[in-house]
């Protein structure tokens, strides 16, 4: 723990979709800085991984703590359930929300996607972000507390870059940029910031279907060290945006892609 400052000591955070990959790295990184983290996950297959992450965080020996919350974000009522469980565990103030949960789906050319494909993609990637933020907003710290809230939406470079046969995913990630800017304008006067982090290619389960050739091309297109990103690369950026020291950054969309896509 000595290499970490406790910049988020006693702060309460919710990280959606945090059983593995980028979400798990974000939850752990926030906790290493002292935060109490509510980790959400959806499927029964993620229970063991989430329990192990909670156990790991509880062993940090600082103010850090964690709980797991199983909730399907396609269900609008899940947002209130997540907030209620977080409040019950850690108190009425929630300082940080990281809208990380997402769904990519399978590439499909125009004419082959179904209404079910559309609904699943937008229910998880767009609607869930909206209602999760709406449910959490009343629990943001009061301005007189002297510490503003932090909302970080996790998007994708796909929101600004065309990928063949991925219109639903790309459009859904572009949509939450609108949320990010509007909420930053609305919540800024109360001392809260809202930002978005757009990862590039990161070593997670989402890349398992890509060929070795595609991965090598992706690495060559990434200026920084010609490599894929790591979950920890994204988590460190999110953690900075969750700190009080990032207060002068809001309404921004940050390309976290090693320079693969520069805004």
C-alpha atoms as a PDB file:
ATOM      1  CA  UNK A   1       0.000   0.000   0.000  1.00  0.00           C
ATOM      2  CA  UNK A   2       2.923   2.371   0.505  1.00  0.00           C
ATOM      3  CA  UNK A   3       3.054   3.349  -3.183  1.00  0.00           C
ATOM      4  CA  UNK A   4      -0.517   4.664  -3.066  1.00  0.00           C
ATOM      5  CA  UNK A   5      -1.757   7.874  -1.499  1.00  0.00           C
ATOM      6  CA  UNK A   6      -5.111   7.721   0.257  1.00  0.00           C
ATOM      7  CA  UNK A   7      -6.638  10.487  -1.851  1.00  0.00           C
ATOM      8  CA  UNK A   8     -10.056   8.793  -1.741  1.00  0.00           C
ATOM      9  CA  UNK A   9     -10.036   7.902   1.945  1.00  0.00           C
ATOM     10  CA  UNK A  10     -13.585   7.423   3.249  1.00  0.00           C
ATOM     11  CA  UNK A  11     -15.100   8.262  -0.126  1.00  0.00           C
ATOM     12  CA  UNK A  12     -17.927   5.986  -1.292  1.00  0.00           C
ATOM     13  CA  UNK A  13     -17.974   4.757  -4.881  1.00  0.00           C
ATOM     14  CA  UNK A  14     -20.200   2.646  -7.107  1.00  0.00           C
ATOM     15  CA  UNK A  15     -18.555   0.856 -10.036  1.00  0.00           C
ATOM     16  CA  UNK A  16     -20.924  -0.963 -12.364  1.00  0.00           C
ATOM     17  CA  UNK A  17     -19.874  -4.090 -14.223  1.00  0.00           C
ATOM     18  CA  UNK A  18     -16.869  -4.556 -11.949  1.00  0.00           C
ATOM     19  CA  UNK A  19     -16.491  -8.321 -11.614  1.00  0.00           C
ATOM     20  CA  UNK A  20     -13.643  -8.495 -14.130  1.00  0.00           C
ATOM     21  CA  UNK A  21     -11.616  -6.599 -16.694  1.00  0.00           C
ATOM     22  CA  UNK A  22     -11.601  -2.808 -16.651  1.00  0.00           C
ATOM     23  CA  UNK A  23     -14.345  -2.593 -14.030  1.00  0.00           C
ATOM     24  CA  UNK A  24     -12.497  -4.801 -11.551  1.00  0.00           C
ATOM     25  CA  UNK A  25      -9.303  -2.795 -12.080  1.00  0.00           C
ATOM     26  CA  UNK A  26     -11.191   0.446 -11.442  1.00  0.00           C
ATOM     27  CA  UNK A  27     -12.786  -0.890  -8.258  1.00  0.00           C
ATOM     28  CA  UNK A  28      -9.435  -2.088  -6.936  1.00  0.00           C
ATOM     29  CA  UNK A  29      -7.635   1.133  -7.844  1.00  0.00           C
ATOM     30  CA  UNK A  30     -10.253   3.304  -6.121  1.00  0.00           C
ATOM     31  CA  UNK A  31     -10.062   1.070  -3.057  1.00  0.00           C
ATOM     32  CA  UNK A  32      -6.261   1.272  -2.978  1.00  0.00           C
ATOM     33  CA  UNK A  33      -6.733   5.004  -2.604  1.00  0.00           C
ATOM     34  CA  UNK A  34      -8.988   4.410   0.389  1.00  0.00           C
ATOM     35  CA  UNK A  35     -12.478   4.317  -1.137  1.00  0.00           C
ATOM     36  CA  UNK A  36     -15.358   2.140  -0.040  1.00  0.00           C
ATOM     37  CA  UNK A  37     -16.601   0.505  -3.227  1.00  0.00           C
ATOM     38  CA  UNK A  38     -19.918  -1.033  -4.228  1.00  0.00           C
ATOM     39  CA  UNK A  39     -19.147  -3.524  -6.987  1.00  0.00           C
ATOM     40  CA  UNK A  40     -22.024  -4.494  -9.270  1.00  0.00           C
ATOM     41  CA  UNK A  41     -22.243  -7.576 -11.448  1.00  0.00           C
ATOM     42  CA  UNK A  42     -24.970  -9.359 -13.361  1.00  0.00           C
ATOM     43  CA  UNK A  43     -24.562 -13.098 -13.882  1.00  0.00           C
ATOM     44  CA  UNK A  44     -24.201 -15.955 -11.410  1.00  0.00           C
ATOM     45  CA  UNK A  45     -21.007 -16.928 -13.212  1.00  0.00           C
ATOM     46  CA  UNK A  46     -19.392 -13.741 -11.861  1.00  0.00           C
ATOM     47  CA  UNK A  47     -20.180 -14.392  -8.187  1.00  0.00           C
ATOM     48  CA  UNK A  48     -16.888 -16.107  -7.352  1.00  0.00           C
ATOM     49  CA  UNK A  49     -14.738 -13.487  -9.101  1.00  0.00           C
ATOM     50  CA  UNK A  50     -16.609 -10.676  -7.389  1.00  0.00           C
ATOM     51  CA  UNK A  51     -16.323 -12.307  -3.971  1.00  0.00           C
ATOM     52  CA  UNK A  52     -12.570 -12.662  -4.473  1.00  0.00           C
ATOM     53  CA  UNK A  53     -12.279  -8.990  -5.404  1.00  0.00           C
ATOM     54  CA  UNK A  54     -14.263  -7.938  -2.326  1.00  0.00           C
ATOM     55  CA  UNK A  55     -12.072 -10.125  -0.137  1.00  0.00           C
ATOM     56  CA  UNK A  56      -8.926  -8.626  -1.666  1.00  0.00           C
ATOM     57  CA  UNK A  57     -10.110  -5.064  -1.054  1.00  0.00           C
ATOM     58  CA  UNK A  58     -11.103  -5.792   2.526  1.00  0.00           C
ATOM     59  CA  UNK A  59      -7.535  -6.970   3.103  1.00  0.00           C
ATOM     60  CA  UNK A  60      -5.948  -3.632   2.187  1.00  0.00           C
ATOM     61  CA  UNK A  61      -5.948  -2.561   5.833  1.00  0.00           C
ATOM     62  CA  UNK A  62      -6.985   1.074   5.302  1.00  0.00           C
ATOM     63  CA  UNK A  63     -10.374   2.777   5.136  1.00  0.00           C
ATOM     64  CA  UNK A  64     -11.020   0.739   1.983  1.00  0.00           C
ATOM     65  CA  UNK A  65     -13.994  -1.578   1.991  1.00  0.00           C
ATOM     66  CA  UNK A  66     -16.202  -3.281  -0.580  1.00  0.00           C
ATOM     67  CA  UNK A  67     -19.545  -4.946  -1.088  1.00  0.00           C
ATOM     68  CA  UNK A  68     -20.922  -6.853  -4.052  1.00  0.00           C
ATOM     69  CA  UNK A  69     -24.355  -6.163  -5.548  1.00  0.00           C
ATOM     70  CA  UNK A  70     -25.923  -8.456  -8.120  1.00  0.00           C
ATOM     71  CA  UNK A  71     -28.182  -6.497 -10.451  1.00  0.00           C
ATOM     72  CA  UNK A  72     -29.205  -6.657 -14.095  1.00  0.00           C
ATOM     73  CA  UNK A  73     -28.874  -3.122 -15.409  1.00  0.00           C
ATOM     74  CA  UNK A  74     -31.324  -3.891 -18.206  1.00  0.00           C
ATOM     75  CA  UNK A  75     -33.962  -3.656 -15.481  1.00  0.00           C
ATOM     76  CA  UNK A  76     -34.632   0.027 -14.726  1.00  0.00           C
ATOM     77  CA  UNK A  77     -35.406  -0.800 -11.079  1.00  0.00           C
ATOM     78  CA  UNK A  78     -31.870  -2.149 -10.587  1.00  0.00           C
ATOM     79  CA  UNK A  79     -30.470   1.391 -10.270  1.00  0.00           C
ATOM     80  CA  UNK A  80     -32.460   2.094  -7.111  1.00  0.00           C
ATOM     81  CA  UNK A  81     -31.526  -1.325  -5.748  1.00  0.00           C
ATOM     82  CA  UNK A  82     -27.824  -0.566  -6.233  1.00  0.00           C
ATOM     83  CA  UNK A  83     -28.077   2.850  -4.592  1.00  0.00           C
ATOM     84  CA  UNK A  84     -30.127   1.503  -1.678  1.00  0.00           C
ATOM     85  CA  UNK A  85     -27.633  -1.305  -1.037  1.00  0.00           C
ATOM     86  CA  UNK A  86     -24.720   1.134  -1.163  1.00  0.00           C
ATOM     87  CA  UNK A  87     -26.390   3.533   1.267  1.00  0.00           C
ATOM     88  CA  UNK A  88     -27.227   0.697   3.629  1.00  0.00           C
ATOM     89  CA  UNK A  89     -23.585  -0.427   3.662  1.00  0.00           C
ATOM     90  CA  UNK A  90     -21.716   2.888   3.640  1.00  0.00           C
ATOM     91  CA  UNK A  91     -24.084   5.717   4.541  1.00  0.00           C
ATOM     92  CA  UNK A  92     -26.206   8.271   2.680  1.00  0.00           C
ATOM     93  CA  UNK A  93     -23.475  10.063   0.710  1.00  0.00           C
ATOM     94  CA  UNK A  94     -22.105   8.582  -2.512  1.00  0.00           C
ATOM     95  CA  UNK A  95     -19.123  10.519  -3.793  1.00  0.00           C
ATOM     96  CA  UNK A  96     -18.215   8.614  -6.963  1.00  0.00           C
ATOM     97  CA  UNK A  97     -20.124   6.814  -9.702  1.00  0.00           C
ATOM     98  CA  UNK A  98     -18.313   4.958 -12.455  1.00  0.00           C
ATOM     99  CA  UNK A  99     -20.703   3.848 -15.187  1.00  0.00           C
ATOM    100  CA  UNK A 100     -18.535   1.058 -16.550  1.00  0.00           C
ATOM    101  CA  UNK A 101     -20.920  -1.792 -17.420  1.00  0.00           C
ATOM    102  CA  UNK A 102     -21.266  -2.320 -21.137  1.00  0.00           C
ATOM    103  CA  UNK A 103     -22.319  -4.730 -23.848  1.00  0.00           C
ATOM    104  CA  UNK A 104     -20.585  -5.047 -27.225  1.00  0.00           C
ATOM    105  CA  UNK A 105     -22.493  -7.837 -28.951  1.00  0.00           C
ATOM    106  CA  UNK A 106     -21.416  -9.578 -32.142  1.00  0.00           C
ATOM    107  CA  UNK A 107     -20.525  -7.673 -35.332  1.00  0.00           C
ATOM    108  CA  UNK A 108     -23.491  -7.648 -37.705  1.00  0.00           C
ATOM    109  CA  UNK A 109     -23.829  -5.972 -41.114  1.00  0.00           C
ATOM    110  CA  UNK A 110     -26.650  -3.590 -41.887  1.00  0.00           C
ATOM    111  CA  UNK A 111     -29.862  -5.540 -42.345  1.00  0.00           C
ATOM    112  CA  UNK A 112     -29.037  -8.413 -39.998  1.00  0.00           C
ATOM    113  CA  UNK A 113     -29.385  -6.804 -36.568  1.00  0.00           C
ATOM    114  CA  UNK A 114     -32.666  -7.446 -34.775  1.00  0.00           C
ATOM    115  CA  UNK A 115     -34.806  -5.347 -32.474  1.00  0.00           C
ATOM    116  CA  UNK A 116     -33.549  -7.552 -29.642  1.00  0.00           C
ATOM    117  CA  UNK A 117     -29.931  -6.696 -30.555  1.00  0.00           C
ATOM    118  CA  UNK A 118     -30.807  -3.017 -30.534  1.00  0.00           C
ATOM    119  CA  UNK A 119     -32.647  -3.158 -27.220  1.00  0.00           C
ATOM    120  CA  UNK A 120     -29.942  -5.136 -25.442  1.00  0.00           C
ATOM    121  CA  UNK A 121     -27.155  -2.814 -26.596  1.00  0.00           C
ATOM    122  CA  UNK A 122     -28.950   0.420 -25.784  1.00  0.00           C
ATOM    123  CA  UNK A 123     -30.556  -0.836 -22.567  1.00  0.00           C
ATOM    124  CA  UNK A 124     -27.130  -1.636 -21.081  1.00  0.00           C
ATOM    125  CA  UNK A 125     -24.931   1.004 -22.685  1.00  0.00           C
ATOM    126  CA  UNK A 126     -27.268   4.004 -22.679  1.00  0.00           C
ATOM    127  CA  UNK A 127     -30.460   3.582 -20.682  1.00  0.00           C
ATOM    128  CA  UNK A 128     -28.686   2.002 -17.712  1.00  0.00           C
ATOM    129  CA  UNK A 129     -26.175   4.867 -17.572  1.00  0.00           C
ATOM    130  CA  UNK A 130     -29.008   7.393 -17.553  1.00  0.00           C
ATOM    131  CA  UNK A 131     -31.070   5.767 -14.812  1.00  0.00           C
ATOM    132  CA  UNK A 132     -28.057   4.756 -12.720  1.00  0.00           C
ATOM    133  CA  UNK A 133     -26.907   8.371 -12.662  1.00  0.00           C
ATOM    134  CA  UNK A 134     -30.404   9.644 -12.010  1.00  0.00           C
ATOM    135  CA  UNK A 135     -30.818   7.274  -9.045  1.00  0.00           C
ATOM    136  CA  UNK A 136     -27.425   8.167  -7.558  1.00  0.00           C
ATOM    137  CA  UNK A 137     -27.536  11.957  -8.039  1.00  0.00           C
ATOM    138  CA  UNK A 138     -29.604  12.751  -4.892  1.00  0.00           C
ATOM    139  CA  UNK A 139     -26.866  11.073  -2.824  1.00  0.00           C
ATOM    140  CA  UNK A 140     -24.013  13.215  -4.150  1.00  0.00           C
ATOM    141  CA  UNK A 141     -22.231  15.181  -1.415  1.00  0.00           C
ATOM    142  CA  UNK A 142     -23.764  18.505  -0.425  1.00  0.00           C
ATOM    143  CA  UNK A 143     -21.845  21.584  -1.513  1.00  0.00           C
ATOM    144  CA  UNK A 144     -21.243  22.630   2.078  1.00  0.00           C
ATOM    145  CA  UNK A 145     -19.330  19.378   2.635  1.00  0.00           C
ATOM    146  CA  UNK A 146     -16.432  20.892   0.707  1.00  0.00           C
ATOM    147  CA  UNK A 147     -15.892  17.870  -1.526  1.00  0.00           C
ATOM    148  CA  UNK A 148     -17.697  17.538  -4.818  1.00  0.00           C
ATOM    149  CA  UNK A 149     -18.989  14.378  -6.425  1.00  0.00           C
ATOM    150  CA  UNK A 150     -17.389  12.645  -9.363  1.00  0.00           C
ATOM    151  CA  UNK A 151     -19.203  10.833 -12.168  1.00  0.00           C
ATOM    152  CA  UNK A 152     -17.100   9.007 -14.749  1.00  0.00           C
ATOM    153  CA  UNK A 153     -18.688   7.336 -17.758  1.00  0.00           C
ATOM    154  CA  UNK A 154     -16.667   4.644 -19.483  1.00  0.00           C
ATOM    155  CA  UNK A 155     -17.219   4.828 -23.221  1.00  0.00           C
ATOM    156  CA  UNK A 156     -15.037   3.609 -26.076  1.00  0.00           C
ATOM    157  CA  UNK A 157     -13.052   4.999 -28.983  1.00  0.00           C
ATOM    158  CA  UNK A 158     -15.790   3.269 -30.990  1.00  0.00           C
ATOM    159  CA  UNK A 159     -17.993   6.241 -30.128  1.00  0.00           C
ATOM    160  CA  UNK A 160     -15.915   8.413 -32.443  1.00  0.00           C
ATOM    161  CA  UNK A 161     -14.351   5.883 -34.805  1.00  0.00           C
ATOM    162  CA  UNK A 162     -16.106   3.795 -37.432  1.00  0.00           C
ATOM    163  CA  UNK A 163     -15.866   0.030 -37.008  1.00  0.00           C
ATOM    164  CA  UNK A 164     -17.429  -2.204 -39.649  1.00  0.00           C
ATOM    165  CA  UNK A 165     -20.555  -4.087 -38.622  1.00  0.00           C
ATOM    166  CA  UNK A 166     -20.624  -2.404 -35.175  1.00  0.00           C
ATOM    167  CA  UNK A 167     -23.158   0.425 -35.632  1.00  0.00           C
ATOM    168  CA  UNK A 168     -25.161  -0.341 -32.494  1.00  0.00           C
ATOM    169  CA  UNK A 169     -22.144  -0.434 -30.194  1.00  0.00           C
ATOM    170  CA  UNK A 170     -20.537   2.642 -31.759  1.00  0.00           C
ATOM    171  CA  UNK A 171     -23.777   4.635 -31.611  1.00  0.00           C
ATOM    172  CA  UNK A 172     -24.455   3.637 -28.003  1.00  0.00           C
ATOM    173  CA  UNK A 173     -21.002   4.772 -26.895  1.00  0.00           C
ATOM    174  CA  UNK A 174     -21.421   8.053 -28.779  1.00  0.00           C
ATOM    175  CA  UNK A 175     -24.749   8.642 -27.037  1.00  0.00           C
ATOM    176  CA  UNK A 176     -23.318   8.800 -23.533  1.00  0.00           C
ATOM    177  CA  UNK A 177     -20.993  11.629 -24.562  1.00  0.00           C
ATOM    178  CA  UNK A 178     -24.162  13.733 -24.687  1.00  0.00           C
ATOM    179  CA  UNK A 179     -25.002  12.686 -21.138  1.00  0.00           C
ATOM    180  CA  UNK A 180     -21.480  13.558 -20.016  1.00  0.00           C
ATOM    181  CA  UNK A 181     -21.586  17.112 -21.313  1.00  0.00           C
ATOM    182  CA  UNK A 182     -25.154  17.859 -20.214  1.00  0.00           C
ATOM    183  CA  UNK A 183     -24.641  16.500 -16.702  1.00  0.00           C
ATOM    184  CA  UNK A 184     -21.371  18.407 -16.362  1.00  0.00           C
ATOM    185  CA  UNK A 185     -23.235  21.632 -17.135  1.00  0.00           C
ATOM    186  CA  UNK A 186     -26.079  20.783 -14.768  1.00  0.00           C
ATOM    187  CA  UNK A 187     -24.064  19.529 -11.809  1.00  0.00           C
ATOM    188  CA  UNK A 188     -21.064  21.832 -12.087  1.00  0.00           C
ATOM    189  CA  UNK A 189     -22.584  24.713 -10.093  1.00  0.00           C
ATOM    190  CA  UNK A 190     -22.961  22.305  -7.166  1.00  0.00           C
ATOM    191  CA  UNK A 191     -19.277  21.357  -7.248  1.00  0.00           C
ATOM    192  CA  UNK A 192     -19.599  18.031  -9.072  1.00  0.00           C
ATOM    193  CA  UNK A 193     -17.724  16.941 -12.196  1.00  0.00           C
ATOM    194  CA  UNK A 194     -18.770  14.571 -14.962  1.00  0.00           C
ATOM    195  CA  UNK A 195     -16.268  13.163 -17.426  1.00  0.00           C
ATOM    196  CA  UNK A 196     -15.908  10.267 -19.838  1.00  0.00           C
ATOM    197  CA  UNK A 197     -13.004   7.920 -20.500  1.00  0.00           C
ATOM    198  CA  UNK A 198     -12.893   6.217 -23.893  1.00  0.00           C
ATOM    199  CA  UNK A 199     -10.601   3.158 -23.834  1.00  0.00           C
ATOM    200  CA  UNK A 200      -8.998   1.817 -26.961  1.00  0.00           C
ATOM    201  CA  UNK A 201      -8.083  -1.852 -27.330  1.00  0.00           C
ATOM    202  CA  UNK A 202      -7.567  -3.274 -23.834  1.00  0.00           C
ATOM    203  CA  UNK A 203      -6.556  -6.804 -22.852  1.00  0.00           C
ATOM    204  CA  UNK A 204      -9.954  -8.059 -21.680  1.00  0.00           C
ATOM    205  CA  UNK A 205     -12.430 -10.748 -22.679  1.00  0.00           C
ATOM    206  CA  UNK A 206     -13.778  -8.436 -25.392  1.00  0.00           C
ATOM    207  CA  UNK A 207     -10.655  -9.058 -27.499  1.00  0.00           C
ATOM    208  CA  UNK A 208     -10.801 -12.850 -27.384  1.00  0.00           C
ATOM    209  CA  UNK A 209     -12.591 -13.094 -30.722  1.00  0.00           C
ATOM    210  CA  UNK A 210      -9.981 -11.067 -32.613  1.00  0.00           C
ATOM    211  CA  UNK A 211      -7.381 -12.800 -34.757  1.00  0.00           C
ATOM    212  CA  UNK A 212      -3.654 -12.578 -34.058  1.00  0.00           C
ATOM    213  CA  UNK A 213      -3.259 -10.561 -37.262  1.00  0.00           C
ATOM    214  CA  UNK A 214      -5.850  -8.014 -36.134  1.00  0.00           C
ATOM    215  CA  UNK A 215      -4.222  -7.718 -32.724  1.00  0.00           C
ATOM    216  CA  UNK A 216      -0.797  -7.125 -34.257  1.00  0.00           C
ATOM    217  CA  UNK A 217      -2.205  -4.438 -36.553  1.00  0.00           C
ATOM    218  CA  UNK A 218      -3.883  -2.816 -33.548  1.00  0.00           C
ATOM    219  CA  UNK A 219      -0.603  -2.769 -31.639  1.00  0.00           C
ATOM    220  CA  UNK A 220       1.221  -1.172 -34.562  1.00  0.00           C
ATOM    221  CA  UNK A 221      -1.488   1.512 -34.737  1.00  0.00           C
ATOM    222  CA  UNK A 222      -0.990   2.345 -31.056  1.00  0.00           C
ATOM    223  CA  UNK A 223       1.859   4.867 -30.713  1.00  0.00           C
ATOM    224  CA  UNK A 224       2.642   4.287 -27.051  1.00  0.00           C
ATOM    225  CA  UNK A 225       4.907   1.228 -26.861  1.00  0.00           C
ATOM    226  CA  UNK A 226       2.992  -0.425 -29.734  1.00  0.00           C
ATOM    227  CA  UNK A 227       0.994  -2.528 -27.307  1.00  0.00           C
ATOM    228  CA  UNK A 228      -2.544  -3.192 -26.158  1.00  0.00           C
ATOM    229  CA  UNK A 229      -3.842  -1.354 -23.138  1.00  0.00           C
ATOM    230  CA  UNK A 230      -4.099  -2.946 -19.720  1.00  0.00           C
ATOM    231  CA  UNK A 231      -7.117  -2.614 -17.423  1.00  0.00           C
ATOM    232  CA  UNK A 232      -4.833  -0.802 -14.978  1.00  0.00           C
ATOM    233  CA  UNK A 233      -4.040   1.833 -17.630  1.00  0.00           C
ATOM    234  CA  UNK A 234      -7.713   2.805 -17.733  1.00  0.00           C
ATOM    235  CA  UNK A 235      -8.223   2.460 -13.985  1.00  0.00           C
ATOM    236  CA  UNK A 236      -5.498   4.983 -13.175  1.00  0.00           C
ATOM    237  CA  UNK A 237      -7.161   7.601 -15.371  1.00  0.00           C
ATOM    238  CA  UNK A 238     -10.562   6.986 -13.815  1.00  0.00           C
ATOM    239  CA  UNK A 239      -9.060   7.181 -10.320  1.00  0.00           C
ATOM    240  CA  UNK A 240      -7.519  10.568 -11.078  1.00  0.00           C
ATOM    241  CA  UNK A 241     -10.861  11.869 -12.331  1.00  0.00           C
ATOM    242  CA  UNK A 242     -12.430  10.607  -9.080  1.00  0.00           C
ATOM    243  CA  UNK A 243     -10.056  12.639  -6.921  1.00  0.00           C
ATOM    244  CA  UNK A 244     -10.671  16.154  -5.628  1.00  0.00           C
ATOM    245  CA  UNK A 245      -7.543  17.300  -7.471  1.00  0.00           C
ATOM    246  CA  UNK A 246      -9.274  16.781 -10.849  1.00  0.00           C
ATOM    247  CA  UNK A 247     -11.907  19.414 -10.032  1.00  0.00           C
ATOM    248  CA  UNK A 248     -11.047  21.695 -12.972  1.00  0.00           C
ATOM    249  CA  UNK A 249     -11.750  18.954 -15.513  1.00  0.00           C
ATOM    250  CA  UNK A 250     -15.405  18.426 -16.376  1.00  0.00           C
ATOM    251  CA  UNK A 251     -17.516  17.723 -19.428  1.00  0.00           C
ATOM    252  CA  UNK A 252     -14.509  16.140 -21.103  1.00  0.00           C
ATOM    253  CA  UNK A 253     -14.130  12.960 -23.140  1.00  0.00           C
ATOM    254  CA  UNK A 254     -10.629  11.518 -22.773  1.00  0.00           C
ATOM    255  CA  UNK A 255      -9.213   9.092 -25.319  1.00  0.00           C
ATOM    256  CA  UNK A 256      -7.433   6.445 -23.216  1.00  0.00           C
ATOM    257  CA  UNK A 257      -5.992   4.568 -26.146  1.00  0.00           C
ATOM    258  CA  UNK A 258      -2.230   4.990 -26.018  1.00  0.00           C
ATOM    259  CA  UNK A 259      -2.584   7.495 -28.855  1.00  0.00           C
ATOM    260  CA  UNK A 260      -4.376   5.085 -31.176  1.00  0.00           C
ATOM    261  CA  UNK A 261      -7.069   7.715 -31.522  1.00  0.00           C
ATOM    262  CA  UNK A 262      -6.231  11.313 -30.677  1.00  0.00           C
ATOM    263  CA  UNK A 263      -8.942  13.899 -29.937  1.00  0.00           C
END
